[in-house]
Amino acid sequence: MIMNQTQEYMLIFRFEPNNDYQPTAEEQAAQAASWGKFIGGIALQEKLVNVQQLGFDGHIIKADDTSSPSLYQVNNEIMGGNMVVKAASIEEAIALGKDCPILSAGGSVEVRSIMPMNH
């Protein structure tokens, strides 16, 4: 019997922060439920490796040995978190990411293959 080969892919969650908007308690509860359903669905398929939500306290370190309190932004978006999944192909990993709640909030999901580090 041949086992299906899987590899790991990272789903990177990006969104445009809006400092003028504070969700209500009900909206926060609905968002948490959506994320729980999304993450739980992937876990039930035994494809979840790990997931991390990033905080808003960060520093950027530069090559000239300076650092500044900031978050790295690209096109006004910041990375809000990531998830590592097991999938047979990048297409399967993309399909997993298409149900991400960040998409309905105007954010995006970047799917990247993970290359093992040689020690």
N, C-alpha and C. Protein backbone atom coordinates (compact mmCIF):
# COMPACT_ATOMS: atom_id res chain seq x y z
N MET A 1 0.84 -1.18 0.00
CA MET A 1 0.00 0.00 0.00
C MET A 1 0.88 1.24 0.00
N ILE A 2 0.66 2.16 -0.95
CA ILE A 2 1.46 3.38 -1.04
C ILE A 2 0.75 4.49 -0.27
N MET A 3 1.50 5.13 0.62
CA MET A 3 0.94 6.24 1.40
C MET A 3 1.01 7.52 0.57
N ASN A 4 0.00 8.36 0.69
CA ASN A 4 0.03 9.65 0.03
C ASN A 4 1.11 10.51 0.67
N GLN A 5 1.95 11.08 -0.16
CA GLN A 5 3.00 11.96 0.33
C GLN A 5 2.41 13.35 0.57
N THR A 6 2.64 13.88 1.76
CA THR A 6 2.22 15.25 2.03
C THR A 6 3.45 16.08 2.34
N GLN A 7 3.30 17.37 2.15
CA GLN A 7 4.35 18.28 2.58
C GLN A 7 3.68 19.42 3.31
N GLU A 8 4.47 20.24 3.93
CA GLU A 8 3.91 21.32 4.71
C GLU A 8 3.88 22.61 3.91
N TYR A 9 2.80 23.36 4.12
CA TYR A 9 2.60 24.66 3.49
C TYR A 9 2.21 25.65 4.57
N MET A 10 2.65 26.89 4.42
CA MET A 10 2.28 27.94 5.36
C MET A 10 1.23 28.83 4.72
N LEU A 11 0.16 29.05 5.45
CA LEU A 11 -0.85 30.02 5.06
C LEU A 11 -0.57 31.27 5.88
N ILE A 12 -0.31 32.38 5.22
CA ILE A 12 0.03 33.64 5.88
C ILE A 12 -1.18 34.56 5.76
N PHE A 13 -1.67 35.02 6.90
CA PHE A 13 -2.88 35.83 6.93
C PHE A 13 -2.49 37.31 7.00
N ARG A 14 -2.96 38.08 6.02
CA ARG A 14 -2.66 39.51 5.97
C ARG A 14 -3.96 40.31 5.97
N PHE A 15 -3.89 41.51 6.56
CA PHE A 15 -5.05 42.40 6.55
C PHE A 15 -4.57 43.84 6.69
N GLU A 16 -5.44 44.74 6.32
CA GLU A 16 -5.16 46.17 6.45
C GLU A 16 -5.73 46.65 7.77
N PRO A 17 -4.87 47.08 8.70
CA PRO A 17 -5.39 47.50 10.00
C PRO A 17 -6.24 48.77 9.87
N ASN A 18 -7.26 48.86 10.70
CA ASN A 18 -8.13 50.03 10.73
C ASN A 18 -8.22 50.49 12.18
N ASN A 19 -7.41 51.48 12.54
CA ASN A 19 -7.37 51.95 13.92
C ASN A 19 -8.63 52.71 14.31
N ASP A 20 -9.45 53.08 13.33
CA ASP A 20 -10.68 53.83 13.60
C ASP A 20 -11.86 52.92 13.89
N TYR A 21 -11.67 51.61 13.75
CA TYR A 21 -12.77 50.66 13.92
C TYR A 21 -12.47 49.72 15.07
N GLN A 22 -13.39 49.64 16.01
CA GLN A 22 -13.28 48.69 17.11
C GLN A 22 -14.52 47.80 17.07
N PRO A 23 -14.35 46.50 16.79
CA PRO A 23 -15.52 45.62 16.70
C PRO A 23 -16.25 45.52 18.04
N THR A 24 -17.55 45.34 17.96
CA THR A 24 -18.36 45.15 19.17
C THR A 24 -18.06 43.77 19.76
N ALA A 25 -18.53 43.56 20.96
CA ALA A 25 -18.34 42.25 21.61
C ALA A 25 -18.98 41.15 20.78
N GLU A 26 -20.14 41.43 20.20
CA GLU A 26 -20.83 40.45 19.36
C GLU A 26 -20.03 40.14 18.11
N GLU A 27 -19.46 41.18 17.49
CA GLU A 27 -18.64 40.98 16.29
C GLU A 27 -17.37 40.18 16.63
N GLN A 28 -16.77 40.48 17.78
CA GLN A 28 -15.58 39.73 18.20
C GLN A 28 -15.93 38.27 18.43
N ALA A 29 -17.07 38.01 19.04
CA ALA A 29 -17.50 36.62 19.29
C ALA A 29 -17.75 35.90 17.97
N ALA A 30 -18.37 36.58 17.01
CA ALA A 30 -18.63 35.98 15.71
C ALA A 30 -17.32 35.70 14.97
N GLN A 31 -16.37 36.62 15.06
CA GLN A 31 -15.05 36.41 14.44
C GLN A 31 -14.35 35.22 15.07
N ALA A 32 -14.37 35.14 16.39
CA ALA A 32 -13.72 34.02 17.09
C ALA A 32 -14.37 32.69 16.69
N ALA A 33 -15.70 32.68 16.57
CA ALA A 33 -16.39 31.45 16.17
C ALA A 33 -16.01 31.06 14.74
N SER A 34 -15.90 32.04 13.85
CA SER A 34 -15.51 31.75 12.46
C SER A 34 -14.11 31.16 12.40
N TRP A 35 -13.19 31.76 13.15
CA TRP A 35 -11.82 31.24 13.16
C TRP A 35 -11.78 29.85 13.78
N GLY A 36 -12.54 29.64 14.86
CA GLY A 36 -12.59 28.31 15.48
C GLY A 36 -13.11 27.25 14.53
N LYS A 37 -14.14 27.59 13.77
CA LYS A 37 -14.69 26.65 12.79
C LYS A 37 -13.67 26.36 11.69
N PHE A 38 -12.99 27.41 11.21
CA PHE A 38 -11.98 27.26 10.15
C PHE A 38 -10.83 26.38 10.62
N ILE A 39 -10.25 26.71 11.77
CA ILE A 39 -9.10 25.96 12.29
C ILE A 39 -9.53 24.54 12.68
N GLY A 40 -10.68 24.43 13.33
CA GLY A 40 -11.18 23.11 13.73
C GLY A 40 -11.45 22.20 12.55
N GLY A 41 -11.97 22.77 11.47
CA GLY A 41 -12.23 21.97 10.27
C GLY A 41 -10.96 21.37 9.68
N ILE A 42 -9.90 22.17 9.69
CA ILE A 42 -8.61 21.67 9.18
C ILE A 42 -8.03 20.63 10.14
N ALA A 43 -8.18 20.89 11.44
CA ALA A 43 -7.69 19.93 12.44
C ALA A 43 -8.42 18.60 12.34
N LEU A 44 -9.74 18.64 12.11
CA LEU A 44 -10.52 17.40 11.98
C LEU A 44 -10.07 16.57 10.78
N GLN A 45 -9.53 17.23 9.76
CA GLN A 45 -9.01 16.52 8.58
C GLN A 45 -7.59 16.00 8.82
N GLU A 46 -7.06 16.26 10.02
CA GLU A 46 -5.69 15.89 10.41
C GLU A 46 -4.66 16.53 9.48
N LYS A 47 -4.92 17.77 9.09
CA LYS A 47 -4.01 18.51 8.21
C LYS A 47 -3.37 19.69 8.93
N LEU A 48 -3.76 19.98 10.16
CA LEU A 48 -3.22 21.11 10.91
C LEU A 48 -1.91 20.73 11.58
N VAL A 49 -0.87 21.53 11.33
CA VAL A 49 0.41 21.35 12.03
C VAL A 49 0.48 22.33 13.19
N ASN A 50 0.26 23.63 12.92
CA ASN A 50 0.18 24.64 13.98
C ASN A 50 -0.43 25.91 13.43
N VAL A 51 -0.82 26.78 14.34
CA VAL A 51 -1.40 28.07 13.97
C VAL A 51 -0.96 29.09 15.01
N GLN A 52 -0.69 30.32 14.54
CA GLN A 52 -0.24 31.38 15.44
C GLN A 52 -0.92 32.69 15.06
N GLN A 53 -1.40 33.40 16.07
CA GLN A 53 -1.92 34.74 15.88
C GLN A 53 -0.85 35.69 16.39
N LEU A 54 -0.52 36.70 15.60
CA LEU A 54 0.51 37.65 16.00
C LEU A 54 -0.11 38.84 16.71
N GLY A 55 0.61 39.35 17.71
CA GLY A 55 0.18 40.55 18.42
C GLY A 55 0.59 41.81 17.67
N PHE A 56 0.29 42.95 18.25
CA PHE A 56 0.59 44.23 17.60
C PHE A 56 1.82 44.91 18.18
N ASP A 57 2.52 44.26 19.10
CA ASP A 57 3.75 44.80 19.67
C ASP A 57 4.91 44.18 18.90
N GLY A 58 5.66 45.00 18.15
CA GLY A 58 6.75 44.46 17.35
C GLY A 58 7.82 45.50 17.07
N HIS A 59 8.97 45.02 16.66
CA HIS A 59 10.09 45.87 16.27
C HIS A 59 10.64 45.37 14.95
N ILE A 60 11.18 46.27 14.19
CA ILE A 60 11.88 45.93 12.96
C ILE A 60 13.37 46.14 13.20
N ILE A 61 14.16 45.10 12.95
CA ILE A 61 15.62 45.18 13.09
C ILE A 61 16.20 45.32 11.69
N LYS A 62 17.10 46.28 11.52
CA LYS A 62 17.70 46.52 10.20
C LYS A 62 19.16 46.07 10.18
N ALA A 63 19.70 45.96 8.97
CA ALA A 63 21.08 45.48 8.79
C ALA A 63 22.09 46.39 9.47
N ASP A 64 21.78 47.67 9.66
CA ASP A 64 22.73 48.59 10.29
C ASP A 64 22.67 48.51 11.82
N ASP A 65 22.05 47.45 12.36
CA ASP A 65 21.96 47.16 13.79
C ASP A 65 21.02 48.11 14.53
N THR A 66 20.14 48.78 13.82
CA THR A 66 19.14 49.61 14.47
C THR A 66 17.83 48.85 14.51
N SER A 67 17.00 49.22 15.46
CA SER A 67 15.66 48.65 15.52
C SER A 67 14.69 49.77 15.86
N SER A 68 13.47 49.60 15.43
CA SER A 68 12.45 50.60 15.74
C SER A 68 11.14 49.89 16.00
N PRO A 69 10.35 50.44 16.95
CA PRO A 69 9.05 49.82 17.21
C PRO A 69 8.13 50.05 16.02
N SER A 70 7.76 48.98 15.37
CA SER A 70 6.95 49.08 14.18
C SER A 70 6.52 47.69 13.75
N LEU A 71 5.60 47.64 12.80
CA LEU A 71 5.20 46.39 12.16
C LEU A 71 5.47 46.55 10.68
N TYR A 72 5.99 45.52 10.04
CA TYR A 72 6.29 45.57 8.62
C TYR A 72 5.00 45.54 7.82
N GLN A 73 4.84 46.53 6.95
CA GLN A 73 3.64 46.61 6.13
C GLN A 73 4.00 46.54 4.66
N VAL A 74 3.18 45.85 3.90
CA VAL A 74 3.28 45.80 2.45
C VAL A 74 1.90 46.15 1.90
N ASN A 75 1.84 47.14 1.04
CA ASN A 75 0.55 47.61 0.50
C ASN A 75 -0.45 47.88 1.61
N ASN A 76 0.01 48.50 2.69
CA ASN A 76 -0.81 48.84 3.86
C ASN A 76 -1.33 47.63 4.62
N GLU A 77 -0.86 46.43 4.29
CA GLU A 77 -1.28 45.22 5.00
C GLU A 77 -0.18 44.77 5.96
N ILE A 78 -0.60 44.20 7.08
CA ILE A 78 0.33 43.57 8.00
C ILE A 78 0.00 42.09 8.11
N MET A 79 0.97 41.31 8.54
CA MET A 79 0.74 39.89 8.76
C MET A 79 0.10 39.73 10.13
N GLY A 80 -1.06 39.09 10.17
CA GLY A 80 -1.77 38.90 11.42
C GLY A 80 -1.54 37.55 12.06
N GLY A 81 -1.02 36.61 11.27
CA GLY A 81 -0.78 35.28 11.80
C GLY A 81 -0.47 34.31 10.68
N ASN A 82 -0.30 33.06 11.06
CA ASN A 82 0.01 32.04 10.06
C ASN A 82 -0.46 30.69 10.57
N MET A 83 -0.56 29.78 9.61
CA MET A 83 -0.96 28.41 9.91
C MET A 83 -0.11 27.50 9.04
N VAL A 84 0.37 26.41 9.60
CA VAL A 84 1.08 25.41 8.82
C VAL A 84 0.16 24.22 8.68
N VAL A 85 -0.01 23.79 7.42
CA VAL A 85 -0.89 22.65 7.13
C VAL A 85 -0.11 21.59 6.37
N LYS A 86 -0.62 20.37 6.42
CA LYS A 86 -0.10 19.27 5.61
C LYS A 86 -1.03 19.09 4.42
N ALA A 87 -0.47 19.01 3.23
CA ALA A 87 -1.28 18.83 2.03
C ALA A 87 -0.49 18.06 0.99
N ALA A 88 -1.20 17.41 0.10
CA ALA A 88 -0.56 16.63 -0.97
C ALA A 88 -0.01 17.52 -2.07
N SER A 89 -0.53 18.77 -2.17
CA SER A 89 -0.08 19.68 -3.22
C SER A 89 -0.39 21.11 -2.80
N ILE A 90 0.21 22.06 -3.49
CA ILE A 90 -0.09 23.46 -3.19
C ILE A 90 -1.55 23.76 -3.52
N GLU A 91 -2.10 23.08 -4.52
CA GLU A 91 -3.51 23.27 -4.85
C GLU A 91 -4.42 22.87 -3.69
N GLU A 92 -4.07 21.78 -3.02
CA GLU A 92 -4.85 21.36 -1.85
C GLU A 92 -4.70 22.39 -0.72
N ALA A 93 -3.49 22.91 -0.51
CA ALA A 93 -3.27 23.92 0.52
C ALA A 93 -4.07 25.19 0.19
N ILE A 94 -4.11 25.57 -1.08
CA ILE A 94 -4.91 26.73 -1.50
C ILE A 94 -6.37 26.48 -1.19
N ALA A 95 -6.86 25.29 -1.48
CA ALA A 95 -8.26 24.96 -1.21
C ALA A 95 -8.57 25.09 0.28
N LEU A 96 -7.63 24.68 1.15
CA LEU A 96 -7.83 24.82 2.59
C LEU A 96 -7.93 26.29 2.97
N GLY A 97 -7.11 27.13 2.36
CA GLY A 97 -7.08 28.55 2.68
C GLY A 97 -8.28 29.33 2.19
N LYS A 98 -9.00 28.80 1.23
CA LYS A 98 -10.15 29.53 0.65
C LYS A 98 -11.31 29.72 1.63
N ASP A 99 -11.32 28.97 2.72
CA ASP A 99 -12.38 29.12 3.72
C ASP A 99 -11.97 30.04 4.88
N CYS A 100 -10.82 30.68 4.77
CA CYS A 100 -10.29 31.50 5.86
C CYS A 100 -11.18 32.72 6.12
N PRO A 101 -11.54 32.98 7.38
CA PRO A 101 -12.39 34.12 7.71
C PRO A 101 -11.78 35.47 7.36
N ILE A 102 -10.47 35.56 7.24
CA ILE A 102 -9.85 36.85 6.93
C ILE A 102 -10.26 37.35 5.55
N LEU A 103 -10.64 36.41 4.67
CA LEU A 103 -11.05 36.81 3.32
C LEU A 103 -12.35 37.60 3.35
N SER A 104 -13.29 37.23 4.20
CA SER A 104 -14.56 37.96 4.28
C SER A 104 -14.39 39.31 4.96
N ALA A 105 -13.24 39.54 5.61
CA ALA A 105 -12.96 40.83 6.25
C ALA A 105 -12.07 41.71 5.35
N GLY A 106 -11.87 41.30 4.09
CA GLY A 106 -11.08 42.10 3.18
C GLY A 106 -9.59 41.78 3.19
N GLY A 107 -9.18 40.78 3.97
CA GLY A 107 -7.78 40.40 4.03
C GLY A 107 -7.42 39.41 2.95
N SER A 108 -6.22 38.86 3.06
CA SER A 108 -5.75 37.90 2.06
C SER A 108 -5.01 36.76 2.75
N VAL A 109 -4.87 35.66 2.00
CA VAL A 109 -4.12 34.49 2.47
C VAL A 109 -3.06 34.20 1.43
N GLU A 110 -1.81 34.20 1.85
CA GLU A 110 -0.70 33.80 0.98
C GLU A 110 -0.36 32.36 1.33
N VAL A 111 -0.22 31.51 0.33
CA VAL A 111 0.12 30.10 0.55
C VAL A 111 1.53 29.88 0.03
N ARG A 112 2.40 29.36 0.90
CA ARG A 112 3.81 29.14 0.52
C ARG A 112 4.23 27.73 0.90
N SER A 113 5.05 27.13 0.04
CA SER A 113 5.64 25.85 0.40
C SER A 113 6.70 26.11 1.47
N ILE A 114 6.95 25.08 2.28
CA ILE A 114 7.97 25.17 3.33
C ILE A 114 9.13 24.27 2.94
N MET A 115 10.31 24.83 2.94
CA MET A 115 11.52 24.06 2.63
C MET A 115 12.22 23.69 3.94
N PRO A 116 12.53 22.42 4.14
CA PRO A 116 13.21 22.02 5.38
C PRO A 116 14.61 22.66 5.47
N MET A 117 14.98 23.06 6.68
CA MET A 117 16.31 23.62 6.92
C MET A 117 17.27 22.46 7.20
N ASN A 118 18.41 22.48 6.57
CA ASN A 118 19.44 21.50 6.86
C ASN A 118 20.32 22.04 7.98
N HIS A 119 20.46 21.24 9.01
CA HIS A 119 21.24 21.69 10.19
C HIS A 119 22.68 21.39 10.00
